Amino acid sequence: MRFLTRSLMGLFLLALTVGLLAMGGFSIFQAMQARNAESGRAPTARERIFAANVIPVTFKTMSPVLTAYGEVRSTRELELRAATAGTIVELAPDFEDGAEVEKGALLVKLDPAEAQAARDSAAATVAEAEAALAQAERALTIARDDVTAAQRQADLRLKALDRQRSLSERGVGSAANLETSELAASAADQAVLNRRSALSTAQAQLDTARTSLTRAKIGLTEADRKLTDTEIRAEFSGRLAEVNAVAGGLVSNNEMLGKLIDPNALEIAFRVSTAQFARLIDARGALRDLPVGVELVAGEETLTAKAELSRVSAAVDDGVTGRLLFARVTDGLGNLRPGDFVTVRLEEPALENVAEIPAAAVDADGTVLVLGPEDRLETADVTVLRRQGDAVIIRAEFAPGTEIVAERTPLLGRGIKLRPMRPSQSQAAAGPETINLDPERRAKLVSFVETNKVMPDTAKQRFLAELKQDEVPVATVEKLESRIGG
């Protein structure tokens, strides 16, 4: 009996399985028929439209700005060095880094004892040489008088000899008297020669005395110079830097004690490429008279100065390219110091019929995407004249009012339909920058700022000043309300 019951149950399950398989097969068959019936109709394709920012191209006359980076240098510096070794006995009260000194001010004084003693000795030597010179001049005068007297005596002896010869010729005088006269005349001539020799010696002694005096004066001058070298004075008005001296310190010869820098003689050294340099010179190769702006970024502030091109380096150093230019600072000297790293902006000669567009709008092959009829994109060739940061200056043949894609992407190309997004629409969507607060809302924000103990005083004053205005910046309102949960 159990066997029959199990057999009937198996037949029932088998029949149920076959029925379910048949129903599944029929469903698959109907689905295939439906697919085949719809395969003859083509699906409707929708054109994809991309959105991108577009900007109008406006041609005008503009002056490109060349941007470079350079270093501030001083054209007038003086190293304060000790000309002689010694002990520092005196320092200027303001002899320190950054101090301003006037021309001729005493900065450092070394112990002058040895130099003063040497100077006094040299002065004594000069006095001795002057006395010796005076004595030699007197001796020369006496020697000249001796020569004159000897010459007169020789002349008298000669006249006596002539008279004695005359008597001898007439037979009146004797031979002994004639011989005596001849001997006397010869002795007188010898005396003249002796006096002349003495005169020559006196002249030589005078020359020697003069030479000794000159040498003594040179020694005195050298002693004065060494005495003067014990004092280091400012040769021009300026600021001190790298000060390295203390009172009582022992310094060696040629030791550097500091630097003196003229703050009114500054220049900027910056390097440009050869192509950029070619645009800064005229047909004769001379630098153009172009205005130069100098900027020094100091945290949140930017210090500015003005300069003018002065010269260009004579040669190119090894391992570098381009040209090294120098610009003399003419205005804003107080904002700069030697060693500052600054940004130099040089206004080039004006270009006519050019436009400034974002650099991302120009492809590598020098083309831009132009918004054509039915908002479809077209390509157009442009000539890139200058690159200025994130912008380029171009020249092209565009009709007035032409709009181009501000930023190209790989998805955009010729023939693509575009949904243009213009700057005016973006500004309208951004909403106003300021709002007019109602009294309750304003009072709530003012109370929050005044009672806030964590906020710095400077920030409180800034927020309160903005909240007192009729139109309050939206950013300020949103920042305060985000803190108070309003």
Protein backbone atom coordinates (compact mmCIF):
# COMPACT_ATOMS: atom_id res chain seq x y z
CA MET A 1 0.00 0.00 0.00
CA ARG A 2 2.87 2.36 0.82
CA PHE A 3 4.54 1.53 -2.47
CA LEU A 4 1.46 2.57 -4.42
CA THR A 5 1.12 5.83 -2.49
CA ARG A 6 4.75 6.78 -3.12
CA SER A 7 4.49 5.89 -6.80
CA LEU A 8 1.43 8.10 -7.27
CA MET A 9 3.19 10.99 -5.43
CA GLY A 10 6.24 10.66 -7.74
CA LEU A 11 4.05 10.69 -10.85
CA PHE A 12 2.33 13.83 -9.57
CA LEU A 13 5.59 15.67 -8.96
CA LEU A 14 6.91 14.62 -12.37
CA ALA A 15 3.80 15.90 -14.10
CA LEU A 16 4.03 19.19 -12.17
CA THR A 17 7.71 19.66 -13.16
CA VAL A 18 6.99 19.01 -16.84
CA GLY A 19 4.14 21.52 -16.74
CA LEU A 20 6.34 24.22 -15.19
CA LEU A 21 9.07 23.60 -17.79
CA ALA A 22 6.54 23.91 -20.55
CA MET A 23 5.26 27.21 -19.18
CA GLY A 24 8.84 28.56 -18.94
CA GLY A 25 9.63 27.55 -22.47
CA PHE A 26 6.46 29.22 -23.73
CA SER A 27 7.36 32.45 -21.92
CA ILE A 28 10.85 32.48 -23.47
CA PHE A 29 9.35 31.89 -26.89
CA GLN A 30 6.96 34.83 -26.53
CA ALA A 31 9.78 37.12 -25.37
CA MET A 32 11.91 36.23 -28.39
CA GLN A 33 9.00 36.91 -30.70
CA ALA A 34 8.42 40.32 -29.09
CA ARG A 35 12.12 41.24 -29.42
CA ASN A 36 12.19 40.19 -33.05
CA ALA A 37 9.10 42.25 -33.72
CA GLU A 38 10.68 45.42 -32.23
CA SER A 39 14.14 44.96 -33.84
CA GLY A 40 12.93 46.54 -37.05
CA ARG A 41 12.38 49.98 -35.42
CA ALA A 42 15.50 52.22 -34.89
CA PRO A 43 15.83 53.81 -31.40
CA THR A 44 15.59 57.59 -31.16
CA ALA A 45 19.10 59.03 -30.34
CA ARG A 46 19.42 62.28 -28.33
CA GLU A 47 22.30 64.63 -29.05
CA ARG A 48 24.47 65.29 -26.01
CA ILE A 49 24.87 68.96 -25.10
CA PHE A 50 27.89 70.10 -23.05
CA ALA A 51 28.07 73.14 -20.81
CA ALA A 52 31.12 75.40 -20.76
CA ASN A 53 32.08 78.97 -19.89
CA VAL A 54 32.36 81.34 -22.84
CA ILE A 55 33.83 84.83 -22.90
CA PRO A 56 33.70 87.59 -25.53
CA VAL A 57 36.92 88.52 -27.32
CA THR A 58 37.62 92.25 -27.19
CA PHE A 59 40.48 93.66 -29.23
CA LYS A 60 42.22 96.79 -28.02
CA THR A 61 45.62 98.43 -27.55
CA MET A 62 47.39 97.15 -24.47
CA SER A 63 50.87 97.02 -22.99
CA PRO A 64 52.09 93.54 -22.04
CA VAL A 65 53.62 93.22 -18.58
CA LEU A 66 56.83 91.20 -18.28
CA THR A 67 57.11 89.51 -14.89
CA ALA A 68 60.47 88.48 -13.48
CA TYR A 69 62.04 87.86 -10.09
CA GLY A 70 65.15 89.51 -8.78
CA GLU A 71 67.22 90.48 -5.77
CA VAL A 72 67.71 93.89 -4.21
CA ARG A 73 71.33 95.02 -4.11
CA SER A 74 73.14 98.09 -2.86
CA THR A 75 75.38 99.94 -5.28
CA ARG A 76 77.25 101.67 -2.47
CA GLU A 77 78.66 99.53 0.32
CA LEU A 78 81.71 99.99 2.51
CA GLU A 79 83.42 97.36 4.62
CA LEU A 80 84.58 98.79 7.93
CA ARG A 81 88.02 97.23 8.47
CA ALA A 82 90.74 97.98 10.97
CA ALA A 83 93.72 99.46 9.14
CA THR A 84 95.98 98.56 12.05
CA ALA A 85 95.94 96.19 14.99
CA GLY A 86 95.00 97.48 18.40
CA THR A 87 92.52 97.63 21.25
CA ILE A 88 89.13 99.24 20.82
CA VAL A 89 88.91 102.10 23.33
CA GLU A 90 85.77 103.79 22.04
CA LEU A 91 82.64 102.80 20.11
CA ALA A 92 79.90 105.03 18.76
CA PRO A 93 76.74 104.85 20.89
CA ASP A 94 74.70 103.70 17.88
CA PHE A 95 77.28 101.27 16.51
CA GLU A 96 74.83 98.37 16.01
CA ASP A 97 73.01 96.57 13.24
CA GLY A 98 70.50 98.76 11.46
CA ALA A 99 71.64 102.01 13.07
CA GLU A 100 71.77 105.12 10.89
CA VAL A 101 74.98 107.15 10.91
CA GLU A 102 75.91 110.45 9.33
CA LYS A 103 78.88 111.15 7.10
CA GLY A 104 82.07 111.76 9.09
CA ALA A 105 80.72 110.28 12.34
CA LEU A 106 83.26 108.47 14.55
CA LEU A 107 82.36 104.78 14.67
CA VAL A 108 85.35 102.97 16.18
CA LYS A 109 88.49 104.30 17.87
CA LEU A 110 91.56 102.14 18.59
CA ASP A 111 94.19 102.81 21.25
CA PRO A 112 96.29 105.68 19.74
CA ALA A 113 99.20 105.58 22.21
CA GLU A 114 101.76 103.89 19.95
CA ALA A 115 100.64 105.81 16.87
CA GLN A 116 100.80 109.11 18.80
CA ALA A 117 104.31 108.32 20.05
CA ALA A 118 105.45 107.47 16.52
CA ARG A 119 103.89 110.70 15.27
CA ASP A 120 105.68 112.78 17.92
CA SER A 121 108.98 111.11 17.05
CA ALA A 122 108.43 111.84 13.39
CA ALA A 123 107.63 115.48 14.22
CA ALA A 124 110.91 115.74 16.17
CA THR A 125 112.79 114.28 13.23
CA VAL A 126 111.22 116.91 10.98
CA ALA A 127 112.32 119.65 13.39
CA GLU A 128 115.90 118.32 13.38
CA ALA A 129 115.88 118.16 9.59
CA GLU A 130 114.61 121.73 9.37
CA ALA A 131 117.40 122.88 11.73
CA ALA A 132 120.00 121.01 9.68
CA LEU A 133 118.62 122.63 6.53
CA ALA A 134 118.85 126.10 8.06
CA GLN A 135 122.44 125.44 9.14
CA ALA A 136 123.32 124.18 5.65
CA GLU A 137 121.81 127.33 4.11
CA ARG A 138 123.89 129.54 6.43
CA ALA A 139 127.02 127.54 5.66
CA LEU A 140 126.36 127.91 1.96
CA THR A 141 126.03 131.69 2.35
CA ILE A 142 129.33 131.86 4.24
CA ALA A 143 131.03 129.65 1.63
CA ARG A 144 129.84 131.99 -1.11
CA ASP A 145 131.20 134.99 0.81
CA ASP A 146 134.54 133.16 1.23
CA VAL A 147 134.74 132.53 -2.49
CA THR A 148 133.99 136.20 -3.18
CA ALA A 149 136.68 137.36 -0.71
CA ALA A 150 139.24 134.92 -2.10
CA GLN A 151 138.48 136.08 -5.62
CA ARG A 152 138.99 139.70 -4.63
CA GLN A 153 142.33 138.85 -2.99
CA ALA A 154 143.38 136.93 -6.10
CA ASP A 155 142.48 139.92 -8.25
CA LEU A 156 144.65 142.18 -6.06
CA ARG A 157 147.57 139.73 -6.27
CA LEU A 158 147.16 139.62 -10.02
CA LYS A 159 147.24 143.42 -10.25
CA ALA A 160 150.40 143.49 -8.10
CA LEU A 161 152.00 140.93 -10.39
CA ASP A 162 151.15 142.98 -13.46
CA ARG A 163 152.66 146.08 -11.84
CA GLN A 164 155.82 144.23 -10.87
CA ARG A 165 156.18 142.89 -14.42
CA SER A 166 155.80 146.38 -15.77
CA LEU A 167 158.59 147.62 -13.46
CA SER A 168 160.82 144.73 -14.46
CA GLU A 169 160.34 145.49 -18.13
CA ARG A 170 161.44 149.10 -17.49
CA GLY A 171 164.45 147.83 -15.51
CA VAL A 172 163.30 149.29 -12.22
CA GLY A 173 162.14 146.17 -10.36
CA SER A 174 164.21 143.21 -9.30
CA ALA A 175 163.73 139.57 -10.26
CA ALA A 176 163.18 138.58 -6.61
CA ASN A 177 160.23 140.95 -6.31
CA LEU A 178 158.71 139.59 -9.53
CA GLU A 179 159.04 136.04 -8.31
CA THR A 180 157.50 136.95 -4.99
CA SER A 181 154.51 138.54 -6.80
CA GLU A 182 154.08 135.47 -8.98
CA LEU A 183 154.08 133.19 -5.93
CA ALA A 184 151.56 135.42 -4.18
CA ALA A 185 149.23 135.40 -7.25
CA SER A 186 149.50 131.62 -7.48
CA ALA A 187 148.66 131.24 -3.79
CA ALA A 188 145.64 133.52 -4.23
CA ASP A 189 144.36 131.38 -7.14
CA GLN A 190 144.80 128.27 -4.98
CA ALA A 191 142.82 129.92 -2.21
CA VAL A 192 139.98 130.63 -4.67
CA LEU A 193 139.92 126.96 -5.68
CA ASN A 194 139.81 125.91 -2.01
CA ARG A 195 136.92 128.30 -1.32
CA ARG A 196 135.05 126.96 -4.37
CA SER A 197 135.54 123.40 -3.13
CA ALA A 198 134.14 124.44 0.23
CA LEU A 199 131.19 126.08 -1.59
CA SER A 200 130.54 122.84 -3.47
CA THR A 201 130.60 120.91 -0.19
CA ALA A 202 128.17 123.39 1.35
CA GLN A 203 125.82 123.03 -1.62
CA ALA A 204 125.97 119.22 -1.30
CA GLN A 205 125.23 119.50 2.41
CA LEU A 206 122.27 121.76 1.60
CA ASP A 207 120.88 119.21 -0.86
CA THR A 208 121.38 116.46 1.71
CA ALA A 209 119.56 118.53 4.33
CA ARG A 210 116.68 119.16 1.96
CA THR A 211 116.46 115.42 1.19
CA SER A 212 116.54 114.62 4.89
CA LEU A 213 113.74 117.13 5.51
CA THR A 214 111.63 115.63 2.72
CA ARG A 215 112.19 112.14 4.14
CA ALA A 216 111.31 113.36 7.61
CA LYS A 217 108.11 114.97 6.31
CA ILE A 218 107.19 111.72 4.59
CA GLY A 219 107.71 109.91 7.87
CA LEU A 220 105.54 112.50 9.62
CA THR A 221 102.81 112.07 7.01
CA GLU A 222 102.96 108.31 7.44
CA ALA A 223 102.77 108.71 11.20
CA ASP A 224 99.77 111.04 10.81
CA ARG A 225 98.09 108.48 8.56
CA LYS A 226 98.66 105.70 11.09
CA LEU A 227 97.31 107.92 13.82
CA THR A 228 94.28 108.72 11.68
CA ASP A 229 93.80 105.00 10.99
CA THR A 230 93.13 104.47 14.68
CA GLU A 231 89.77 106.17 14.05
CA ILE A 232 87.19 104.61 11.73
CA ARG A 233 84.69 107.16 10.45
CA ALA A 234 81.66 106.94 8.17
CA GLU A 235 82.61 107.98 4.64
CA PHE A 236 78.93 108.54 3.75
CA SER A 237 75.55 108.53 5.44
CA GLY A 238 73.98 105.08 5.66
CA ARG A 239 73.02 102.11 7.82
CA LEU A 240 75.29 99.70 9.65
CA ALA A 241 75.17 95.94 9.08
CA GLU A 242 77.09 92.84 10.19
CA VAL A 243 78.50 94.70 13.20
CA ASN A 244 81.23 92.72 14.95
CA ALA A 245 83.01 94.88 17.52
CA VAL A 246 82.96 95.35 21.30
CA ALA A 247 84.61 97.94 23.48
CA GLY A 248 87.94 96.67 24.83
CA GLY A 249 88.25 94.03 22.15
CA LEU A 250 91.55 93.36 20.44
CA VAL A 251 91.35 93.53 16.65
CA SER A 252 93.91 92.42 14.10
CA ASN A 253 95.05 94.18 11.00
CA ASN A 254 92.36 94.30 8.24
CA GLU A 255 89.74 92.67 10.48
CA MET A 256 86.19 93.54 9.36
CA LEU A 257 84.15 95.26 12.05
CA GLY A 258 80.96 95.79 10.05
CA LYS A 259 79.46 97.17 6.86
CA LEU A 260 78.09 100.56 5.92
CA ILE A 261 75.27 100.47 3.37
CA ASP A 262 73.74 103.44 1.60
CA PRO A 263 69.94 102.90 1.71
CA ASN A 264 69.40 105.45 -1.05
CA ALA A 265 71.51 103.59 -3.62
CA LEU A 266 69.55 100.42 -4.33
CA GLU A 267 69.07 98.45 -7.53
CA ILE A 268 67.26 95.30 -8.63
CA ALA A 269 69.14 92.52 -10.41
CA PHE A 270 66.82 90.23 -12.38
CA ARG A 271 67.19 87.83 -15.29
CA VAL A 272 65.03 87.62 -18.44
CA SER A 273 65.15 85.33 -21.43
CA THR A 274 66.91 86.34 -24.62
CA ALA A 275 63.59 86.68 -26.45
CA GLN A 276 62.22 88.95 -23.74
CA PHE A 277 65.41 91.02 -23.75
CA ALA A 278 65.04 91.55 -27.51
CA ARG A 279 61.72 93.31 -26.83
CA LEU A 280 63.31 95.68 -24.33
CA ILE A 281 65.92 97.23 -26.64
CA ASP A 282 65.62 99.61 -29.56
CA ALA A 283 67.14 99.39 -33.02
CA ARG A 284 70.52 100.58 -31.72
CA GLY A 285 70.61 97.91 -29.01
CA ALA A 286 70.09 100.38 -26.14
CA LEU A 287 67.63 99.71 -23.34
CA ARG A 288 64.27 101.39 -23.73
CA ASP A 289 63.07 103.87 -21.13
CA LEU A 290 60.33 101.64 -19.69
CA PRO A 291 58.66 101.91 -16.26
CA VAL A 292 59.52 99.15 -13.80
CA GLY A 293 57.31 98.18 -10.87
CA VAL A 294 58.75 96.34 -7.86
CA GLU A 295 56.65 94.32 -5.41
CA LEU A 296 57.71 92.75 -2.12
CA VAL A 297 55.18 90.37 -0.57
CA ALA A 298 55.22 90.78 3.21
CA GLY A 299 52.57 88.46 4.59
CA GLU A 300 49.15 89.90 3.81
CA GLU A 301 50.61 93.20 2.62
CA THR A 302 52.52 93.98 -0.56
CA LEU A 303 55.19 96.69 -0.48
CA THR A 304 55.73 98.50 -3.75
CA ALA A 305 58.47 100.60 -5.28
CA LYS A 306 59.37 102.07 -8.65
CA ALA A 307 62.57 101.69 -10.64
CA GLU A 308 64.05 102.36 -14.05
CA LEU A 309 66.29 100.22 -16.24
CA SER A 310 69.91 101.25 -15.87
CA ARG A 311 72.15 98.67 -17.54
CA VAL A 312 72.59 95.08 -18.70
CA SER A 313 75.37 92.64 -17.86
CA ALA A 314 78.29 92.63 -20.28
CA ALA A 315 78.56 88.82 -20.50
CA VAL A 316 76.56 85.68 -19.79
CA ASP A 317 77.82 83.64 -16.85
CA ASP A 318 78.59 79.95 -17.21
CA GLY A 319 75.66 77.64 -16.69
CA VAL A 320 72.94 80.29 -17.14
CA THR A 321 71.00 81.69 -20.06
CA GLY A 322 69.25 84.93 -20.86
CA ARG A 323 70.33 88.39 -19.83
CA LEU A 324 70.91 89.91 -16.41
CA LEU A 325 69.32 93.35 -16.13
CA PHE A 326 69.71 96.02 -13.46
CA ALA A 327 67.05 98.55 -12.51
CA ARG A 328 67.81 101.53 -10.27
CA VAL A 329 65.20 102.11 -7.56
CA THR A 330 63.83 105.66 -7.77
CA ASP A 331 60.78 105.62 -5.47
CA GLY A 332 59.84 103.55 -2.41
CA LEU A 333 63.40 103.07 -1.13
CA GLY A 334 62.14 102.75 2.44
CA ASN A 335 60.24 99.55 1.61
CA LEU A 336 63.27 97.61 0.37
CA ARG A 337 66.46 96.28 1.89
CA PRO A 338 69.50 94.65 0.23
CA GLY A 339 68.91 90.92 -0.08
CA ASP A 340 65.12 91.12 -0.53
CA PHE A 341 63.64 88.77 -3.15
CA VAL A 342 61.16 90.84 -5.14
CA THR A 343 58.83 90.57 -8.11
CA VAL A 344 59.63 92.85 -11.03
CA ARG A 345 56.88 93.91 -13.42
CA LEU A 346 58.11 95.68 -16.53
CA GLU A 347 55.66 97.29 -18.93
CA GLU A 348 56.61 96.49 -22.52
CA PRO A 349 55.85 98.67 -25.57
CA ALA A 350 52.14 98.78 -26.41
CA LEU A 351 50.61 96.29 -28.88
CA GLU A 352 47.69 97.33 -31.09
CA ASN A 353 44.61 95.25 -31.99
CA VAL A 354 45.24 92.46 -29.49
CA ALA A 355 43.08 90.64 -26.93
CA GLU A 356 43.78 89.00 -23.57
CA ILE A 357 42.18 85.59 -22.98
CA PRO A 358 42.77 82.73 -20.51
CA ALA A 359 45.71 80.50 -21.37
CA ALA A 360 43.44 77.43 -21.00
CA ALA A 361 41.39 78.62 -23.99
CA VAL A 362 44.28 78.08 -26.44
CA ASP A 363 45.22 74.61 -27.60
CA ALA A 364 48.78 73.43 -28.14
CA ASP A 365 48.41 73.96 -31.91
CA GLY A 366 47.37 77.60 -31.45
CA THR A 367 43.62 77.25 -31.96
CA VAL A 368 40.56 78.26 -29.94
CA LEU A 369 36.96 77.04 -29.93
CA VAL A 370 34.58 79.69 -31.24
CA LEU A 371 30.84 79.67 -30.46
CA GLY A 372 29.17 79.54 -33.88
CA PRO A 373 25.57 79.45 -35.16
CA GLU A 374 23.11 77.29 -33.20
CA ASP A 375 25.63 77.26 -30.34
CA ARG A 376 27.93 74.85 -32.15
CA LEU A 377 31.68 75.00 -31.71
CA GLU A 378 34.12 75.89 -34.46
CA THR A 379 37.93 76.06 -34.42
CA ALA A 380 39.86 79.20 -35.27
CA ASP A 381 43.58 79.95 -35.48
CA VAL A 382 45.14 82.61 -33.26
CA THR A 383 48.65 84.00 -32.86
CA VAL A 384 49.94 83.97 -29.31
CA LEU A 385 52.08 87.08 -28.76
CA ARG A 386 52.71 87.01 -24.99
CA ARG A 387 52.05 84.77 -22.01
CA GLN A 388 51.25 86.51 -18.75
CA GLY A 389 50.61 84.11 -15.91
CA ASP A 390 47.27 82.36 -16.53
CA ALA A 391 46.47 84.60 -19.52
CA VAL A 392 47.79 85.06 -23.04
CA ILE A 393 47.73 87.99 -25.45
CA ILE A 394 46.60 86.96 -28.92
CA ARG A 395 45.99 88.47 -32.33
CA ALA A 396 43.35 87.01 -34.63
CA GLU A 397 40.76 87.92 -37.27
CA PHE A 398 37.49 87.70 -35.31
CA ALA A 399 34.23 89.46 -35.98
CA PRO A 400 33.01 91.88 -33.28
CA GLY A 401 31.17 90.09 -30.49
CA THR A 402 32.83 86.71 -31.09
CA GLU A 403 32.71 84.39 -28.08
CA ILE A 404 35.19 81.62 -27.34
CA VAL A 405 35.37 78.77 -24.83
CA ALA A 406 37.25 80.00 -21.76
CA GLU A 407 38.63 76.56 -20.82
CA ARG A 408 39.09 73.69 -23.24
CA THR A 409 38.55 70.08 -22.21
CA PRO A 410 38.98 66.78 -24.09
CA LEU A 411 35.16 66.53 -24.37
CA LEU A 412 34.87 69.70 -26.45
CA GLY A 413 35.66 69.86 -30.13
CA ARG A 414 34.52 71.10 -33.47
CA GLY A 415 30.81 70.56 -34.19
CA ILE A 416 29.84 69.94 -30.54
CA LYS A 417 26.64 71.67 -29.45
CA LEU A 418 27.26 73.80 -26.40
CA ARG A 419 25.18 75.28 -23.63
CA PRO A 420 27.12 78.51 -23.07
CA MET A 421 27.64 79.85 -19.57
CA ARG A 422 28.47 83.56 -19.62
CA PRO A 423 30.12 85.58 -16.80
CA SER A 424 27.04 87.76 -16.37
CA GLN A 425 24.90 84.70 -15.71
CA SER A 426 27.40 83.38 -13.14
CA GLN A 427 27.38 86.68 -11.29
CA ALA A 428 23.58 86.75 -11.22
CA ALA A 429 23.47 83.21 -9.85
CA ALA A 430 26.03 84.04 -7.20
CA GLY A 431 23.69 86.56 -5.62
CA PRO A 432 24.49 89.91 -3.99
CA GLU A 433 27.72 90.45 -2.05
CA THR A 434 26.05 92.55 0.66
CA ILE A 435 22.65 92.52 2.34
CA ASN A 436 20.58 94.90 4.45
CA LEU A 437 19.94 93.38 7.89
CA ASP A 438 16.80 94.00 9.91
CA PRO A 439 17.33 95.49 13.41
CA GLU A 440 16.72 92.23 15.30
CA ARG A 441 19.14 90.22 13.18
CA ARG A 442 21.76 92.95 13.40
CA ALA A 443 21.39 93.25 17.17
CA LYS A 444 21.75 89.48 17.56
CA LEU A 445 25.01 89.44 15.63
CA VAL A 446 26.40 92.49 17.47
CA SER A 447 25.59 90.91 20.82
CA PHE A 448 27.32 87.68 19.82
CA VAL A 449 30.49 89.52 18.82
CA GLU A 450 30.60 91.69 21.94
CA THR A 451 30.06 88.77 24.35
CA ASN A 452 32.48 86.40 22.63
CA LYS A 453 35.52 85.94 24.90
CA VAL A 454 37.52 83.77 22.49
CA MET A 455 37.48 86.17 19.55
CA PRO A 456 40.55 88.49 19.33
CA ASP A 457 40.02 92.21 19.85
CA THR A 458 41.14 93.06 16.32
CA ALA A 459 38.59 90.64 14.86
CA LYS A 460 35.86 92.06 17.11
CA GLN A 461 36.58 95.59 15.94
CA ARG A 462 36.51 94.52 12.30
CA PHE A 463 33.22 92.62 12.66
CA LEU A 464 31.57 95.45 14.62
CA ALA A 465 32.68 98.00 12.02
CA GLU A 466 31.13 95.89 9.25
CA LEU A 467 27.90 95.32 11.21
CA LYS A 468 27.44 99.07 11.72
CA GLN A 469 27.30 99.64 7.97
CA ASP A 470 23.99 99.82 6.14
CA GLU A 471 25.03 97.05 3.78
CA VAL A 472 26.79 94.15 5.55
CA PRO A 473 28.93 91.66 3.58
CA VAL A 474 27.15 88.35 3.11
CA ALA A 475 30.31 86.42 3.97
CA THR A 476 30.50 88.13 7.37
CA VAL A 477 26.86 87.38 8.15
CA GLU A 478 27.18 83.74 7.16
CA LYS A 479 30.39 83.31 9.18
CA LEU A 480 28.85 84.74 12.37
CA GLU A 481 25.55 82.91 12.02
CA SER A 482 27.35 79.63 11.47
CA ARG A 483 29.08 80.11 14.81
CA ILE A 484 25.93 80.93 16.74
CA GLY A 485 23.84 78.38 14.90
CA GLY A 486 21.51 81.00 13.42
